[in-house]
Amino acid sequence: MSDISDLYQELILDHNKRPRNRRRIEGTARMAEGYNPLCGDRVTVYVEVEGDVVKDVSFEGSGCAISTASASLMSESLKGKTISEAVRLFDKFRGLVTGKPPENGDGPTLGKLEAFSGVGRFPARVKCATLVWHTFKAALQKKNETVSTE
């Protein structure tokens, strides 16, 4: 394995073992639930928006290592972004893991989220990595139905 692959694997394992922002946001936070029936991942995403800025993001739930690490890294990456920046980051991340970059390829850099670049080689794992992101987007849009990757 290359050094960068080793580093990415360690980052994913670290965020799975010690997920950041795994908690409920009380009060006025928007929330949405996600479920991946294929592997059983379940997640609730909480988003606190102030004006046009994502002030806080957190999650609760259970899932595989990819799902948990994706939720942890997503929550860190989205704090402080404007809603439009967060949506562009969602599009760029989805493009990374699906191999279909957004038509407008510019936008935010992925930073640590690049750790998921190898997920696209395993189509079933793409759903694990993106479930929390789709759930985040549903919370932003105040959708009340459960998000599914199926």
N, C-alpha and C. Protein backbone atom coordinates (compact mmCIF):
# COMPACT_ATOMS: atom_id res chain seq x y z
N MET A 1 0.84 -1.18 0.00
CA MET A 1 0.00 0.00 0.00
C MET A 1 0.89 1.24 0.00
N SER A 2 0.47 2.29 -0.68
CA SER A 2 1.26 3.51 -0.71
C SER A 2 1.12 4.26 0.61
N ASP A 3 2.04 5.18 0.84
CA ASP A 3 2.01 5.97 2.07
C ASP A 3 0.70 6.74 2.20
N ILE A 4 0.22 7.32 1.09
CA ILE A 4 -1.02 8.09 1.15
C ILE A 4 -2.21 7.18 1.45
N SER A 5 -2.22 5.98 0.89
CA SER A 5 -3.30 5.03 1.18
C SER A 5 -3.29 4.63 2.65
N ASP A 6 -2.09 4.41 3.18
CA ASP A 6 -1.97 4.08 4.60
C ASP A 6 -2.49 5.22 5.48
N LEU A 7 -2.12 6.45 5.10
CA LEU A 7 -2.58 7.61 5.86
C LEU A 7 -4.10 7.73 5.81
N TYR A 8 -4.68 7.55 4.62
CA TYR A 8 -6.13 7.62 4.48
C TYR A 8 -6.82 6.55 5.29
N GLN A 9 -6.28 5.33 5.27
CA GLN A 9 -6.87 4.24 6.03
C GLN A 9 -6.81 4.55 7.53
N GLU A 10 -5.69 5.08 8.00
CA GLU A 10 -5.57 5.44 9.41
C GLU A 10 -6.56 6.53 9.80
N LEU A 11 -6.76 7.50 8.94
CA LEU A 11 -7.70 8.59 9.20
C LEU A 11 -9.12 8.04 9.34
N ILE A 12 -9.52 7.17 8.43
CA ILE A 12 -10.86 6.57 8.49
C ILE A 12 -11.02 5.73 9.75
N LEU A 13 -10.02 4.94 10.08
CA LEU A 13 -10.09 4.12 11.29
C LEU A 13 -10.17 4.98 12.54
N ASP A 14 -9.40 6.07 12.58
CA ASP A 14 -9.42 6.97 13.73
C ASP A 14 -10.80 7.60 13.91
N HIS A 15 -11.40 8.07 12.83
CA HIS A 15 -12.73 8.71 12.93
C HIS A 15 -13.83 7.68 13.22
N ASN A 16 -13.59 6.43 12.87
CA ASN A 16 -14.55 5.39 13.24
C ASN A 16 -14.44 5.07 14.73
N LYS A 17 -13.23 4.95 15.24
CA LYS A 17 -13.02 4.61 16.65
C LYS A 17 -13.35 5.77 17.59
N ARG A 18 -13.05 6.98 17.15
CA ARG A 18 -13.27 8.17 17.97
C ARG A 18 -14.02 9.23 17.16
N PRO A 19 -15.29 8.96 16.87
CA PRO A 19 -16.04 9.90 16.03
C PRO A 19 -16.19 11.26 16.70
N ARG A 20 -15.99 12.29 15.91
CA ARG A 20 -16.16 13.65 16.38
C ARG A 20 -17.62 14.06 16.16
N ASN A 21 -18.12 14.85 17.08
CA ASN A 21 -19.48 15.42 16.98
C ASN A 21 -20.58 14.37 17.00
N ARG A 22 -20.35 13.26 17.66
CA ARG A 22 -21.40 12.25 17.84
C ARG A 22 -22.19 12.65 19.07
N ARG A 23 -23.26 13.39 18.82
CA ARG A 23 -24.10 13.90 19.90
C ARG A 23 -25.34 14.52 19.29
N ARG A 24 -26.30 14.79 20.11
CA ARG A 24 -27.53 15.48 19.70
C ARG A 24 -27.35 16.97 19.92
N ILE A 25 -27.85 17.77 19.00
CA ILE A 25 -27.91 19.21 19.21
C ILE A 25 -29.33 19.52 19.66
N GLU A 26 -29.46 20.04 20.84
CA GLU A 26 -30.77 20.36 21.39
C GLU A 26 -31.25 21.72 20.87
N GLY A 27 -32.54 21.94 20.99
CA GLY A 27 -33.08 23.25 20.66
C GLY A 27 -33.59 23.36 19.25
N THR A 28 -33.12 24.36 18.54
CA THR A 28 -33.68 24.71 17.24
C THR A 28 -33.00 24.03 16.06
N ALA A 29 -32.20 23.04 16.32
CA ALA A 29 -31.48 22.37 15.22
C ALA A 29 -32.45 21.68 14.26
N ARG A 30 -32.10 21.74 12.99
CA ARG A 30 -32.81 20.96 11.98
C ARG A 30 -32.30 19.54 12.09
N MET A 31 -33.12 18.57 11.73
CA MET A 31 -32.67 17.19 11.81
C MET A 31 -33.31 16.35 10.72
N ALA A 32 -32.65 15.27 10.39
CA ALA A 32 -33.18 14.29 9.44
C ALA A 32 -32.61 12.93 9.81
N GLU A 33 -33.34 11.91 9.41
CA GLU A 33 -32.90 10.54 9.67
C GLU A 33 -32.56 9.86 8.36
N GLY A 34 -31.54 8.99 8.42
CA GLY A 34 -31.12 8.24 7.24
C GLY A 34 -31.01 6.76 7.57
N TYR A 35 -31.25 5.93 6.55
CA TYR A 35 -31.22 4.49 6.75
C TYR A 35 -30.73 3.83 5.47
N ASN A 36 -29.75 2.96 5.60
CA ASN A 36 -29.25 2.16 4.49
C ASN A 36 -29.69 0.72 4.73
N PRO A 37 -30.79 0.29 4.09
CA PRO A 37 -31.30 -1.05 4.35
C PRO A 37 -30.36 -2.16 3.91
N LEU A 38 -29.46 -1.87 3.01
CA LEU A 38 -28.53 -2.88 2.52
C LEU A 38 -27.59 -3.38 3.62
N CYS A 39 -27.08 -2.43 4.43
CA CYS A 39 -26.13 -2.86 5.47
C CYS A 39 -26.60 -2.50 6.88
N GLY A 40 -27.71 -1.79 7.01
CA GLY A 40 -28.26 -1.49 8.33
C GLY A 40 -27.78 -0.20 8.96
N ASP A 41 -27.01 0.62 8.24
CA ASP A 41 -26.58 1.90 8.80
C ASP A 41 -27.80 2.77 9.09
N ARG A 42 -27.82 3.35 10.29
CA ARG A 42 -28.88 4.30 10.69
C ARG A 42 -28.22 5.53 11.26
N VAL A 43 -28.70 6.69 10.86
CA VAL A 43 -28.09 7.93 11.33
C VAL A 43 -29.15 9.01 11.47
N THR A 44 -28.97 9.84 12.47
CA THR A 44 -29.74 11.07 12.61
C THR A 44 -28.73 12.20 12.56
N VAL A 45 -28.97 13.16 11.68
CA VAL A 45 -28.07 14.30 11.53
C VAL A 45 -28.77 15.54 12.05
N TYR A 46 -28.05 16.31 12.85
CA TYR A 46 -28.54 17.57 13.41
C TYR A 46 -27.73 18.71 12.81
N VAL A 47 -28.42 19.76 12.40
CA VAL A 47 -27.76 20.91 11.79
C VAL A 47 -28.32 22.18 12.41
N GLU A 48 -27.42 22.98 12.94
CA GLU A 48 -27.82 24.28 13.47
C GLU A 48 -27.35 25.34 12.47
N VAL A 49 -28.31 26.10 11.96
CA VAL A 49 -28.02 27.13 10.98
C VAL A 49 -28.31 28.49 11.61
N GLU A 50 -27.38 29.40 11.42
CA GLU A 50 -27.56 30.76 11.91
C GLU A 50 -27.39 31.69 10.70
N GLY A 51 -28.48 32.33 10.29
CA GLY A 51 -28.44 33.12 9.07
C GLY A 51 -28.24 32.19 7.89
N ASP A 52 -27.13 32.35 7.19
CA ASP A 52 -26.80 31.51 6.04
C ASP A 52 -25.60 30.60 6.34
N VAL A 53 -25.27 30.45 7.62
CA VAL A 53 -24.06 29.71 7.99
C VAL A 53 -24.41 28.46 8.80
N VAL A 54 -23.75 27.36 8.46
CA VAL A 54 -23.88 26.12 9.23
C VAL A 54 -23.05 26.31 10.49
N LYS A 55 -23.74 26.56 11.59
CA LYS A 55 -23.06 26.84 12.85
C LYS A 55 -22.56 25.56 13.53
N ASP A 56 -23.35 24.49 13.45
CA ASP A 56 -22.96 23.24 14.09
C ASP A 56 -23.59 22.07 13.33
N VAL A 57 -22.89 20.94 13.34
CA VAL A 57 -23.37 19.70 12.72
C VAL A 57 -22.99 18.57 13.66
N SER A 58 -23.92 17.67 13.89
CA SER A 58 -23.62 16.50 14.69
C SER A 58 -24.45 15.33 14.19
N PHE A 59 -24.21 14.16 14.76
CA PHE A 59 -24.94 12.97 14.34
C PHE A 59 -25.04 11.99 15.49
N GLU A 60 -26.01 11.11 15.39
CA GLU A 60 -26.17 9.96 16.28
C GLU A 60 -26.52 8.78 15.40
N GLY A 61 -26.28 7.60 15.88
CA GLY A 61 -26.66 6.42 15.13
C GLY A 61 -25.60 5.36 15.16
N SER A 62 -25.82 4.34 14.34
CA SER A 62 -24.88 3.24 14.27
C SER A 62 -24.67 2.87 12.82
N GLY A 63 -23.47 2.42 12.53
CA GLY A 63 -23.17 2.03 11.17
C GLY A 63 -21.79 1.43 11.07
N CYS A 64 -21.43 1.09 9.87
CA CYS A 64 -20.12 0.50 9.61
C CYS A 64 -19.03 1.57 9.76
N ALA A 65 -17.79 1.15 9.63
CA ALA A 65 -16.65 2.06 9.79
C ALA A 65 -16.69 3.19 8.77
N ILE A 66 -17.03 2.90 7.54
CA ILE A 66 -17.06 3.93 6.49
C ILE A 66 -18.15 4.94 6.81
N SER A 67 -19.32 4.48 7.20
CA SER A 67 -20.44 5.36 7.51
C SER A 67 -20.12 6.27 8.71
N THR A 68 -19.58 5.69 9.76
CA THR A 68 -19.26 6.46 10.96
C THR A 68 -18.15 7.47 10.69
N ALA A 69 -17.11 7.05 10.00
CA ALA A 69 -16.01 7.96 9.67
C ALA A 69 -16.49 9.09 8.75
N SER A 70 -17.36 8.77 7.82
CA SER A 70 -17.90 9.78 6.92
C SER A 70 -18.70 10.81 7.70
N ALA A 71 -19.51 10.35 8.65
CA ALA A 71 -20.30 11.27 9.48
C ALA A 71 -19.39 12.16 10.31
N SER A 72 -18.36 11.59 10.89
CA SER A 72 -17.44 12.35 11.73
C SER A 72 -16.70 13.41 10.92
N LEU A 73 -16.13 13.01 9.79
CA LEU A 73 -15.39 13.95 8.95
C LEU A 73 -16.31 14.99 8.32
N MET A 74 -17.52 14.58 7.95
CA MET A 74 -18.47 15.53 7.40
C MET A 74 -18.80 16.60 8.42
N SER A 75 -19.06 16.18 9.66
CA SER A 75 -19.45 17.16 10.69
C SER A 75 -18.34 18.17 10.93
N GLU A 76 -17.10 17.74 10.87
CA GLU A 76 -15.99 18.67 11.02
C GLU A 76 -15.86 19.60 9.83
N SER A 77 -16.08 19.06 8.64
CA SER A 77 -15.86 19.81 7.40
C SER A 77 -16.91 20.88 7.13
N LEU A 78 -18.12 20.71 7.63
CA LEU A 78 -19.21 21.61 7.27
C LEU A 78 -19.40 22.79 8.22
N LYS A 79 -18.88 22.68 9.42
CA LYS A 79 -19.04 23.77 10.38
C LYS A 79 -18.41 25.05 9.85
N GLY A 80 -19.17 26.14 9.93
CA GLY A 80 -18.67 27.44 9.50
C GLY A 80 -18.86 27.73 8.02
N LYS A 81 -19.32 26.76 7.26
CA LYS A 81 -19.57 26.97 5.83
C LYS A 81 -20.92 27.65 5.65
N THR A 82 -21.03 28.41 4.57
CA THR A 82 -22.36 28.91 4.20
C THR A 82 -23.14 27.72 3.66
N ILE A 83 -24.44 27.88 3.57
CA ILE A 83 -25.27 26.79 3.05
C ILE A 83 -24.84 26.44 1.62
N SER A 84 -24.58 27.44 0.79
CA SER A 84 -24.18 27.14 -0.59
C SER A 84 -22.81 26.45 -0.63
N GLU A 85 -21.89 26.84 0.24
CA GLU A 85 -20.59 26.15 0.31
C GLU A 85 -20.78 24.70 0.75
N ALA A 86 -21.67 24.48 1.71
CA ALA A 86 -21.93 23.12 2.20
C ALA A 86 -22.52 22.25 1.09
N VAL A 87 -23.43 22.80 0.32
CA VAL A 87 -24.04 22.04 -0.79
C VAL A 87 -22.98 21.73 -1.85
N ARG A 88 -22.10 22.68 -2.15
CA ARG A 88 -21.03 22.43 -3.13
C ARG A 88 -20.06 21.37 -2.61
N LEU A 89 -19.79 21.38 -1.30
CA LEU A 89 -18.93 20.34 -0.72
C LEU A 89 -19.61 18.97 -0.81
N PHE A 90 -20.91 18.93 -0.57
CA PHE A 90 -21.69 17.69 -0.74
C PHE A 90 -21.51 17.17 -2.17
N ASP A 91 -21.70 18.05 -3.16
CA ASP A 91 -21.59 17.64 -4.57
C ASP A 91 -20.19 17.14 -4.89
N LYS A 92 -19.18 17.82 -4.37
CA LYS A 92 -17.80 17.43 -4.65
C LYS A 92 -17.47 16.09 -3.99
N PHE A 93 -17.93 15.89 -2.75
CA PHE A 93 -17.69 14.62 -2.06
C PHE A 93 -18.38 13.48 -2.80
N ARG A 94 -19.64 13.69 -3.18
CA ARG A 94 -20.38 12.66 -3.91
C ARG A 94 -19.65 12.32 -5.21
N GLY A 95 -19.14 13.35 -5.90
CA GLY A 95 -18.38 13.11 -7.11
C GLY A 95 -17.11 12.31 -6.87
N LEU A 96 -16.44 12.57 -5.75
CA LEU A 96 -15.23 11.84 -5.39
C LEU A 96 -15.52 10.35 -5.24
N VAL A 97 -16.55 10.02 -4.49
CA VAL A 97 -16.79 8.61 -4.18
C VAL A 97 -17.52 7.86 -5.29
N THR A 98 -18.21 8.58 -6.16
CA THR A 98 -18.92 7.92 -7.26
C THR A 98 -18.11 7.93 -8.55
N GLY A 99 -17.05 8.74 -8.58
CA GLY A 99 -16.27 8.87 -9.81
C GLY A 99 -16.93 9.76 -10.84
N LYS A 100 -17.94 10.53 -10.40
CA LYS A 100 -18.66 11.44 -11.29
C LYS A 100 -18.59 12.85 -10.71
N PRO A 101 -17.48 13.55 -10.98
CA PRO A 101 -17.34 14.89 -10.41
C PRO A 101 -18.44 15.83 -10.91
N PRO A 102 -18.80 16.83 -10.11
CA PRO A 102 -19.82 17.77 -10.54
C PRO A 102 -19.38 18.49 -11.82
N GLU A 103 -20.35 18.91 -12.62
CA GLU A 103 -20.05 19.57 -13.89
C GLU A 103 -19.16 20.78 -13.69
N ASN A 104 -19.45 21.55 -12.67
CA ASN A 104 -18.61 22.69 -12.34
C ASN A 104 -17.59 22.19 -11.33
N GLY A 105 -16.42 21.78 -11.81
CA GLY A 105 -15.42 21.11 -10.98
C GLY A 105 -14.75 21.96 -9.94
N ASP A 106 -14.88 23.29 -10.04
CA ASP A 106 -14.23 24.11 -9.03
C ASP A 106 -15.07 24.13 -7.76
N GLY A 107 -14.63 24.83 -6.79
CA GLY A 107 -15.36 24.87 -5.53
C GLY A 107 -14.43 24.53 -4.40
N PRO A 108 -14.98 24.14 -3.28
CA PRO A 108 -14.15 23.89 -2.09
C PRO A 108 -13.24 22.69 -2.28
N THR A 109 -12.11 22.73 -1.60
CA THR A 109 -11.23 21.56 -1.60
C THR A 109 -11.76 20.57 -0.59
N LEU A 110 -11.46 19.32 -0.80
CA LEU A 110 -11.99 18.27 0.07
C LEU A 110 -11.15 18.03 1.31
N GLY A 111 -9.89 18.38 1.29
CA GLY A 111 -9.05 18.19 2.47
C GLY A 111 -9.06 16.74 2.93
N LYS A 112 -9.33 16.54 4.21
CA LYS A 112 -9.32 15.19 4.79
C LYS A 112 -10.34 14.26 4.15
N LEU A 113 -11.37 14.81 3.53
CA LEU A 113 -12.39 13.98 2.89
C LEU A 113 -11.82 13.18 1.72
N GLU A 114 -10.64 13.57 1.23
CA GLU A 114 -9.96 12.81 0.18
C GLU A 114 -9.69 11.37 0.63
N ALA A 115 -9.73 11.13 1.93
CA ALA A 115 -9.51 9.79 2.46
C ALA A 115 -10.49 8.78 1.88
N PHE A 116 -11.62 9.27 1.38
CA PHE A 116 -12.65 8.38 0.83
C PHE A 116 -12.49 8.14 -0.67
N SER A 117 -11.37 8.56 -1.24
CA SER A 117 -11.18 8.45 -2.68
C SER A 117 -11.21 7.00 -3.18
N GLY A 118 -10.84 6.05 -2.36
CA GLY A 118 -10.85 4.65 -2.79
C GLY A 118 -12.19 3.96 -2.66
N VAL A 119 -13.15 4.62 -2.04
CA VAL A 119 -14.46 4.00 -1.80
C VAL A 119 -15.16 3.66 -3.11
N GLY A 120 -14.94 4.44 -4.15
CA GLY A 120 -15.60 4.23 -5.43
C GLY A 120 -15.32 2.88 -6.05
N ARG A 121 -14.25 2.23 -5.64
CA ARG A 121 -13.95 0.89 -6.16
C ARG A 121 -14.87 -0.18 -5.58
N PHE A 122 -15.66 0.21 -4.58
CA PHE A 122 -16.56 -0.73 -3.91
C PHE A 122 -17.96 -0.11 -3.90
N PRO A 123 -18.77 -0.33 -4.94
CA PRO A 123 -20.06 0.36 -5.08
C PRO A 123 -20.97 0.27 -3.85
N ALA A 124 -20.98 -0.84 -3.17
CA ALA A 124 -21.85 -0.94 -1.98
C ALA A 124 -21.39 0.01 -0.88
N ARG A 125 -20.09 0.29 -0.83
CA ARG A 125 -19.56 1.18 0.21
C ARG A 125 -19.83 2.65 -0.10
N VAL A 126 -20.07 2.96 -1.36
CA VAL A 126 -20.42 4.34 -1.73
C VAL A 126 -21.67 4.76 -0.97
N LYS A 127 -22.63 3.86 -0.85
CA LYS A 127 -23.87 4.16 -0.12
C LYS A 127 -23.59 4.40 1.36
N CYS A 128 -22.62 3.67 1.90
CA CYS A 128 -22.24 3.86 3.30
C CYS A 128 -21.62 5.24 3.50
N ALA A 129 -20.77 5.64 2.57
CA ALA A 129 -20.07 6.92 2.69
C ALA A 129 -20.99 8.12 2.46
N THR A 130 -22.00 7.95 1.61
CA THR A 130 -22.84 9.10 1.24
C THR A 130 -24.13 9.22 2.04
N LEU A 131 -24.52 8.18 2.76
CA LEU A 131 -25.79 8.24 3.51
C LEU A 131 -25.87 9.47 4.40
N VAL A 132 -24.85 9.72 5.20
CA VAL A 132 -24.88 10.84 6.13
C VAL A 132 -24.93 12.18 5.38
N TRP A 133 -24.29 12.25 4.23
CA TRP A 133 -24.31 13.48 3.43
C TRP A 133 -25.70 13.76 2.88
N HIS A 134 -26.36 12.73 2.36
CA HIS A 134 -27.74 12.90 1.88
C HIS A 134 -28.66 13.27 3.05
N THR A 135 -28.39 12.71 4.21
CA THR A 135 -29.19 13.02 5.40
C THR A 135 -28.95 14.46 5.83
N PHE A 136 -27.71 14.91 5.77
CA PHE A 136 -27.40 16.32 6.06
C PHE A 136 -28.18 17.24 5.13
N LYS A 137 -28.17 16.93 3.85
CA LYS A 137 -28.87 17.78 2.87
C LYS A 137 -30.37 17.81 3.16
N ALA A 138 -30.94 16.67 3.55
CA ALA A 138 -32.36 16.62 3.90
C ALA A 138 -32.64 17.47 5.13
N ALA A 139 -31.74 17.46 6.10
CA ALA A 139 -31.91 18.29 7.30
C ALA A 139 -31.88 19.77 6.92
N LEU A 140 -30.97 20.15 6.04
CA LEU A 140 -30.92 21.54 5.58
C LEU A 140 -32.24 21.96 4.95
N GLN A 141 -32.81 21.04 4.17
CA GLN A 141 -34.05 21.33 3.46
C GLN A 141 -35.30 21.08 4.30
N LYS A 142 -35.10 20.70 5.55
CA LYS A 142 -36.19 20.43 6.49
C LYS A 142 -37.17 19.38 5.97
N LYS A 143 -36.64 18.33 5.34
CA LYS A 143 -37.47 17.24 4.84
C LYS A 143 -37.80 16.31 6.01
N ASN A 144 -39.00 15.79 6.02
CA ASN A 144 -39.45 14.96 7.14
C ASN A 144 -39.41 13.46 6.86
N GLU A 145 -39.10 13.05 5.64
CA GLU A 145 -39.06 11.62 5.36
C GLU A 145 -37.67 11.07 5.64
N THR A 146 -37.60 9.75 5.90
CA THR A 146 -36.31 9.11 6.15
C THR A 146 -35.55 9.00 4.84
N VAL A 147 -34.30 9.41 4.86
CA VAL A 147 -33.44 9.34 3.68
C VAL A 147 -32.94 7.92 3.54
N SER A 148 -32.91 7.43 2.31
CA SER A 148 -32.40 6.09 2.05
C SER A 148 -31.41 6.15 0.90
N THR A 149 -30.45 5.26 0.92
CA THR A 149 -29.49 5.19 -0.19
C THR A 149 -29.93 4.16 -1.21
N GLU A 150 -31.10 3.61 -1.08
CA GLU A 150 -31.63 2.63 -2.04
C GLU A 150 -32.60 3.29 -2.98
